Amino acid sequence: MAAFLLWIILFILCWPLAILALVAYPFVWLISLPFRLIGITLHGVFGLLSAILLLPVRLLRGPSAV
């Protein structure tokens, strides 16, 4: 909702720039998509490495009283 309100303000102040932003947004989204996928993948890999490295500590700690 905030992005829409900012776009309305931009449209009132400078409508050609607002139309350009509206047209360019899908292209920017498509260009940023691979970087998002890489970020999701790296987050998963680091989570897996953390779980593997911390497994001995969790095993030595024993069952915890929940």
PDB file of N, CA and C in Angstrom:
ATOM      1  N   MET A   1       0.825  -1.185   0.000  1.00  0.00           N
ATOM      2  CA  MET A   1       0.000   0.000   0.000  1.00  0.00           C
ATOM      3  C   MET A   1       0.880   1.263   0.000  1.00  0.00           C
ATOM      4  N   ALA A   2       1.973   1.200   0.748  1.00  0.00           N
ATOM      5  CA  ALA A   2       2.869   2.360   0.806  1.00  0.00           C
ATOM      6  C   ALA A   2       3.512   2.616  -0.559  1.00  0.00           C
ATOM      7  N   ALA A   3       3.873   1.532  -1.258  1.00  0.00           N
ATOM      8  CA  ALA A   3       4.476   1.702  -2.581  1.00  0.00           C
ATOM      9  C   ALA A   3       3.485   2.350  -3.545  1.00  0.00           C
ATOM     10  N   PHE A   4       2.224   1.965  -3.434  1.00  0.00           N
ATOM     11  CA  PHE A   4       1.207   2.558  -4.300  1.00  0.00           C
ATOM     12  C   PHE A   4       1.025   4.044  -3.996  1.00  0.00           C
ATOM     13  N   LEU A   5       1.019   4.398  -2.717  1.00  0.00           N
ATOM     14  CA  LEU A   5       0.874   5.808  -2.351  1.00  0.00           C
ATOM     15  C   LEU A   5       2.076   6.631  -2.816  1.00  0.00           C
ATOM     16  N   LEU A   6       3.264   6.049  -2.707  1.00  0.00           N
ATOM     17  CA  LEU A   6       4.452   6.748  -3.209  1.00  0.00           C
ATOM     18  C   LEU A   6       4.385   6.918  -4.729  1.00  0.00           C
ATOM     19  N   TRP A   7       3.844   5.913  -5.426  1.00  0.00           N
ATOM     20  CA  TRP A   7       3.713   6.019  -6.870  1.00  0.00           C
ATOM     21  C   TRP A   7       2.701   7.097  -7.239  1.00  0.00           C
ATOM     22  N   ILE A   8       1.616   7.203  -6.476  1.00  0.00           N
ATOM     23  CA  ILE A   8       0.622   8.251  -6.724  1.00  0.00           C
ATOM     24  C   ILE A   8       1.242   9.639  -6.538  1.00  0.00           C
ATOM     25  N   ILE A   9       2.043   9.796  -5.498  1.00  0.00           N
ATOM     26  CA  ILE A   9       2.725  11.075  -5.268  1.00  0.00           C
ATOM     27  C   ILE A   9       3.681  11.381  -6.423  1.00  0.00           C
ATOM     28  N   LEU A  10       4.418  10.358  -6.858  1.00  0.00           N
ATOM     29  CA  LEU A  10       5.323  10.542  -7.990  1.00  0.00           C
ATOM     30  C   LEU A  10       4.542  10.884  -9.249  1.00  0.00           C
ATOM     31  N   PHE A  11       3.382  10.258  -9.430  1.00  0.00           N
ATOM     32  CA  PHE A  11       2.547  10.536 -10.599  1.00  0.00           C
ATOM     33  C   PHE A  11       2.059  11.981 -10.600  1.00  0.00           C
ATOM     34  N   ILE A  12       1.736  12.479  -9.428  1.00  0.00           N
ATOM     35  CA  ILE A  12       1.267  13.866  -9.338  1.00  0.00           C
ATOM     36  C   ILE A  12       2.418  14.838  -9.599  1.00  0.00           C
ATOM     37  N   LEU A  13       3.606  14.529  -9.072  1.00  0.00           N
ATOM     38  CA  LEU A  13       4.739  15.444  -9.222  1.00  0.00           C
ATOM     39  C   LEU A  13       5.366  15.377 -10.607  1.00  0.00           C
ATOM     40  N   CYS A  14       5.541  14.163 -11.125  1.00  0.00           N
ATOM     41  CA  CYS A  14       6.231  14.007 -12.407  1.00  0.00           C
ATOM     42  C   CYS A  14       5.679  12.758 -13.099  1.00  0.00           C
ATOM     43  N   TRP A  15       4.600  12.920 -13.868  1.00  0.00           N
ATOM     44  CA  TRP A  15       3.929  11.768 -14.434  1.00  0.00           C
ATOM     45  C   TRP A  15       4.763  10.984 -15.451  1.00  0.00           C
ATOM     46  N   PRO A  16       5.657  11.589 -16.253  1.00  0.00           N
ATOM     47  CA  PRO A  16       6.447  10.741 -17.170  1.00  0.00           C
ATOM     48  C   PRO A  16       7.366   9.770 -16.418  1.00  0.00           C
ATOM     49  N   LEU A  17       7.947  10.229 -15.314  1.00  0.00           N
ATOM     50  CA  LEU A  17       8.809   9.359 -14.522  1.00  0.00           C
ATOM     51  C   LEU A  17       7.998   8.243 -13.869  1.00  0.00           C
ATOM     52  N   ALA A  18       6.776   8.550 -13.455  1.00  0.00           N
ATOM     53  CA  ALA A  18       5.918   7.535 -12.843  1.00  0.00           C
ATOM     54  C   ALA A  18       5.529   6.467 -13.864  1.00  0.00           C
ATOM     55  N   ILE A  19       5.222   6.874 -15.080  1.00  0.00           N
ATOM     56  CA  ILE A  19       4.882   5.908 -16.133  1.00  0.00           C
ATOM     57  C   ILE A  19       6.103   5.065 -16.477  1.00  0.00           C
ATOM     58  N   LEU A  20       7.282   5.673 -16.526  1.00  0.00           N
ATOM     59  CA  LEU A  20       8.512   4.922 -16.789  1.00  0.00           C
ATOM     60  C   LEU A  20       8.772   3.909 -15.689  1.00  0.00           C
ATOM     61  N   ALA A  21       8.547   4.299 -14.440  1.00  0.00           N
ATOM     62  CA  ALA A  21       8.727   3.370 -13.324  1.00  0.00           C
ATOM     63  C   ALA A  21       7.733   2.219 -13.414  1.00  0.00           C
ATOM     64  N   LEU A  22       6.516   2.516 -13.824  1.00  0.00           N
ATOM     65  CA  LEU A  22       5.489   1.485 -13.950  1.00  0.00           C
ATOM     66  C   LEU A  22       5.835   0.491 -15.050  1.00  0.00           C
ATOM     67  N   VAL A  23       6.414   0.966 -16.147  1.00  0.00           N
ATOM     68  CA  VAL A  23       6.787   0.099 -17.260  1.00  0.00           C
ATOM     69  C   VAL A  23       8.057  -0.677 -16.935  1.00  0.00           C
ATOM     70  N   ALA A  24       9.011  -0.047 -16.234  1.00  0.00           N
ATOM     71  CA  ALA A  24      10.305  -0.677 -15.966  1.00  0.00           C
ATOM     72  C   ALA A  24      10.252  -1.688 -14.824  1.00  0.00           C
ATOM     73  N   TYR A  25       9.246  -1.608 -13.965  1.00  0.00           N
ATOM     74  CA  TYR A  25       9.191  -2.487 -12.790  1.00  0.00           C
ATOM     75  C   TYR A  25       9.228  -3.982 -13.137  1.00  0.00           C
ATOM     76  N   PRO A  26       8.448  -4.472 -14.112  1.00  0.00           N
ATOM     77  CA  PRO A  26       8.531  -5.911 -14.425  1.00  0.00           C
ATOM     78  C   PRO A  26       9.916  -6.347 -14.905  1.00  0.00           C
ATOM     79  N   PHE A  27      10.591  -5.486 -15.656  1.00  0.00           N
ATOM     80  CA  PHE A  27      11.932  -5.836 -16.135  1.00  0.00           C
ATOM     81  C   PHE A  27      12.936  -5.892 -14.988  1.00  0.00           C
ATOM     82  N   VAL A  28      12.842  -4.971 -14.074  1.00  0.00           N
ATOM     83  CA  VAL A  28      13.722  -4.985 -12.896  1.00  0.00           C
ATOM     84  C   VAL A  28      13.444  -6.230 -12.063  1.00  0.00           C
ATOM     85  N   TRP A  29      12.179  -6.612 -11.928  1.00  0.00           N
ATOM     86  CA  TRP A  29      11.813  -7.810 -11.175  1.00  0.00           C
ATOM     87  C   TRP A  29      12.399  -9.047 -11.835  1.00  0.00           C
ATOM     88  N   LEU A  30      12.329  -9.127 -13.171  1.00  0.00           N
ATOM     89  CA  LEU A  30      12.886 -10.280 -13.884  1.00  0.00           C
ATOM     90  C   LEU A  30      14.400 -10.358 -13.748  1.00  0.00           C
ATOM     91  N   ILE A  31      15.069  -9.202 -13.769  1.00  0.00           N
ATOM     92  CA  ILE A  31      16.524  -9.192 -13.634  1.00  0.00           C
ATOM     93  C   ILE A  31      16.936  -9.591 -12.221  1.00  0.00           C
ATOM     94  N   SER A  32      16.169  -9.206 -11.208  1.00  0.00           N
ATOM     95  CA  SER A  32      16.538  -9.515  -9.829  1.00  0.00           C
ATOM     96  C   SER A  32      16.158 -10.934  -9.408  1.00  0.00           C
ATOM     97  N   LEU A  33      15.342 -11.629 -10.183  1.00  0.00           N
ATOM     98  CA  LEU A  33      14.887 -12.967  -9.817  1.00  0.00           C
ATOM     99  C   LEU A  33      16.025 -13.975  -9.631  1.00  0.00           C
ATOM    100  N   PRO A  34      17.016 -14.045 -10.531  1.00  0.00           N
ATOM    101  CA  PRO A  34      18.115 -14.993 -10.293  1.00  0.00           C
ATOM    102  C   PRO A  34      18.886 -14.711  -8.997  1.00  0.00           C
ATOM    103  N   PHE A  35      19.043 -13.443  -8.657  1.00  0.00           N
ATOM    104  CA  PHE A  35      19.755 -13.106  -7.426  1.00  0.00           C
ATOM    105  C   PHE A  35      18.956 -13.557  -6.201  1.00  0.00           C
ATOM    106  N   ARG A  36      17.632 -13.467  -6.272  1.00  0.00           N
ATOM    107  CA  ARG A  36      16.811 -13.964  -5.172  1.00  0.00           C
ATOM    108  C   ARG A  36      16.943 -15.471  -5.035  1.00  0.00           C
ATOM    109  N   LEU A  37      16.961 -16.177  -6.165  1.00  0.00           N
ATOM    110  CA  LEU A  37      17.111 -17.638  -6.115  1.00  0.00           C
ATOM    111  C   LEU A  37      18.468 -18.034  -5.552  1.00  0.00           C
ATOM    112  N   ILE A  38      19.498 -17.295  -5.916  1.00  0.00           N
ATOM    113  CA  ILE A  38      20.829 -17.565  -5.363  1.00  0.00           C
ATOM    114  C   ILE A  38      20.821 -17.313  -3.857  1.00  0.00           C
ATOM    115  N   GLY A  39      20.163 -16.253  -3.416  1.00  0.00           N
ATOM    116  CA  GLY A  39      20.081 -15.963  -1.989  1.00  0.00           C
ATOM    117  C   GLY A  39      19.349 -17.050  -1.218  1.00  0.00           C
ATOM    118  N   ILE A  40      18.247 -17.556  -1.774  1.00  0.00           N
ATOM    119  CA  ILE A  40      17.507 -18.642  -1.126  1.00  0.00           C
ATOM    120  C   ILE A  40      18.365 -19.889  -1.043  1.00  0.00           C
ATOM    121  N   THR A  41      19.083 -20.185  -2.117  1.00  0.00           N
ATOM    122  CA  THR A  41      19.946 -21.367  -2.141  1.00  0.00           C
ATOM    123  C   THR A  41      21.070 -21.248  -1.116  1.00  0.00           C
ATOM    124  N   LEU A  42      21.729 -20.100  -1.064  1.00  0.00           N
ATOM    125  CA  LEU A  42      22.815 -19.916  -0.104  1.00  0.00           C
ATOM    126  C   LEU A  42      22.307 -19.973   1.337  1.00  0.00           C
ATOM    127  N   HIS A  43      21.124 -19.453   1.574  1.00  0.00           N
ATOM    128  CA  HIS A  43      20.545 -19.534   2.918  1.00  0.00           C
ATOM    129  C   HIS A  43      20.341 -21.000   3.312  1.00  0.00           C
ATOM    130  N   GLY A  44      19.858 -21.809   2.389  1.00  0.00           N
ATOM    131  CA  GLY A  44      19.682 -23.231   2.662  1.00  0.00           C
ATOM    132  C   GLY A  44      21.004 -23.954   2.881  1.00  0.00           C
ATOM    133  N   VAL A  45      22.006 -23.628   2.068  1.00  0.00           N
ATOM    134  CA  VAL A  45      23.320 -24.276   2.207  1.00  0.00           C
ATOM    135  C   VAL A  45      23.953 -23.925   3.540  1.00  0.00           C
ATOM    136  N   PHE A  46      23.889 -22.666   3.928  1.00  0.00           N
ATOM    137  CA  PHE A  46      24.460 -22.264   5.216  1.00  0.00           C
ATOM    138  C   PHE A  46      23.695 -22.871   6.380  1.00  0.00           C
ATOM    139  N   GLY A  47      22.389 -23.021   6.239  1.00  0.00           N
ATOM    140  CA  GLY A  47      21.607 -23.700   7.278  1.00  0.00           C
ATOM    141  C   GLY A  47      22.009 -25.160   7.416  1.00  0.00           C
ATOM    142  N   LEU A  48      22.228 -25.826   6.287  1.00  0.00           N
ATOM    143  CA  LEU A  48      22.664 -27.222   6.317  1.00  0.00           C
ATOM    144  C   LEU A  48      24.053 -27.353   6.943  1.00  0.00           C
ATOM    145  N   LEU A  49      24.989 -26.476   6.555  1.00  0.00           N
ATOM    146  CA  LEU A  49      26.327 -26.521   7.138  1.00  0.00           C
ATOM    147  C   LEU A  49      26.291 -26.253   8.634  1.00  0.00           C
ATOM    148  N   SER A  50      25.469 -25.330   9.060  1.00  0.00           N
ATOM    149  CA  SER A  50      25.336 -25.034  10.480  1.00  0.00           C
ATOM    150  C   SER A  50      24.790 -26.244  11.229  1.00  0.00           C
ATOM    151  N   ALA A  51      23.795 -26.901  10.650  1.00  0.00           N
ATOM    152  CA  ALA A  51      23.235 -28.088  11.301  1.00  0.00           C
ATOM    153  C   ALA A  51      24.261 -29.215  11.381  1.00  0.00           C
ATOM    154  N   ILE A  52      25.057 -29.382  10.335  1.00  0.00           N
ATOM    155  CA  ILE A  52      26.076 -30.445  10.338  1.00  0.00           C
ATOM    156  C   ILE A  52      27.169 -30.138  11.359  1.00  0.00           C
ATOM    157  N   LEU A  53      27.609 -28.883  11.407  1.00  0.00           N
ATOM    158  CA  LEU A  53      28.687 -28.532  12.328  1.00  0.00           C
ATOM    159  C   LEU A  53      28.231 -28.542  13.783  1.00  0.00           C
ATOM    160  N   LEU A  54      26.976 -28.240  14.051  1.00  0.00           N
ATOM    161  CA  LEU A  54      26.494 -28.189  15.424  1.00  0.00           C
ATOM    162  C   LEU A  54      25.905 -29.514  15.899  1.00  0.00           C
ATOM    163  N   LEU A  55      25.853 -30.526  15.029  1.00  0.00           N
ATOM    164  CA  LEU A  55      25.284 -31.817  15.420  1.00  0.00           C
ATOM    165  C   LEU A  55      26.042 -32.472  16.569  1.00  0.00           C
ATOM    166  N   PRO A  56      27.390 -32.518  16.568  1.00  0.00           N
ATOM    167  CA  PRO A  56      28.078 -33.132  17.705  1.00  0.00           C
ATOM    168  C   PRO A  56      27.768 -32.438  19.038  1.00  0.00           C
ATOM    169  N   VAL A  57      27.658 -31.135  19.010  1.00  0.00           N
ATOM    170  CA  VAL A  57      27.354 -30.400  20.236  1.00  0.00           C
ATOM    171  C   VAL A  57      25.959 -30.769  20.739  1.00  0.00           C
ATOM    172  N   ARG A  58      25.013 -30.886  19.820  1.00  0.00           N
ATOM    173  CA  ARG A  58      23.658 -31.247  20.210  1.00  0.00           C
ATOM    174  C   ARG A  58      23.589 -32.666  20.730  1.00  0.00           C
ATOM    175  N   LEU A  59      24.400 -33.549  20.160  1.00  0.00           N
ATOM    176  CA  LEU A  59      24.410 -34.942  20.616  1.00  0.00           C
ATOM    177  C   LEU A  59      25.054 -35.064  22.003  1.00  0.00           C
ATOM    178  N   LEU A  60      26.133 -34.317  22.248  1.00  0.00           N
ATOM    179  CA  LEU A  60      26.812 -34.378  23.533  1.00  0.00           C
ATOM    180  C   LEU A  60      26.006 -33.703  24.636  1.00  0.00           C
ATOM    181  N   ARG A  61      25.183 -32.756  24.290  1.00  0.00           N
ATOM    182  CA  ARG A  61      24.379 -32.058  25.276  1.00  0.00           C
ATOM    183  C   ARG A  61      23.323 -32.977  25.868  1.00  0.00           C
ATOM    184  N   GLY A  62      22.868 -33.939  25.109  1.00  0.00           N
ATOM    185  CA  GLY A  62      21.873 -34.886  25.614  1.00  0.00           C
ATOM    186  C   GLY A  62      20.458 -34.348  25.481  1.00  0.00           C
ATOM    187  N   PRO A  63      19.492 -35.135  25.941  1.00  0.00           N
ATOM    188  CA  PRO A  63      18.110 -34.687  25.847  1.00  0.00           C
ATOM    189  C   PRO A  63      17.853 -33.497  26.789  1.00  0.00           C
ATOM    190  N   SER A  64      17.224 -32.515  26.244  1.00  0.00           N
ATOM    191  CA  SER A  64      16.946 -31.329  27.064  1.00  0.00           C
ATOM    192  C   SER A  64      15.550 -31.436  27.651  1.00  0.00           C
ATOM    193  N   ALA A  65      15.419 -30.885  28.831  1.00  0.00           N
ATOM    194  CA  ALA A  65      14.107 -30.875  29.496  1.00  0.00           C
ATOM    195  C   ALA A  65      13.298 -29.727  28.932  1.00  0.00           C
ATOM    196  N   VAL A  66      12.282 -30.073  28.183  1.00  0.00           N
ATOM    197  CA  VAL A  66      11.460 -29.048  27.521  1.00  0.00           C
ATOM    198  C   VAL A  66      10.299 -28.683  28.387  1.00  0.00           C
TER     199      VAL A  66
END
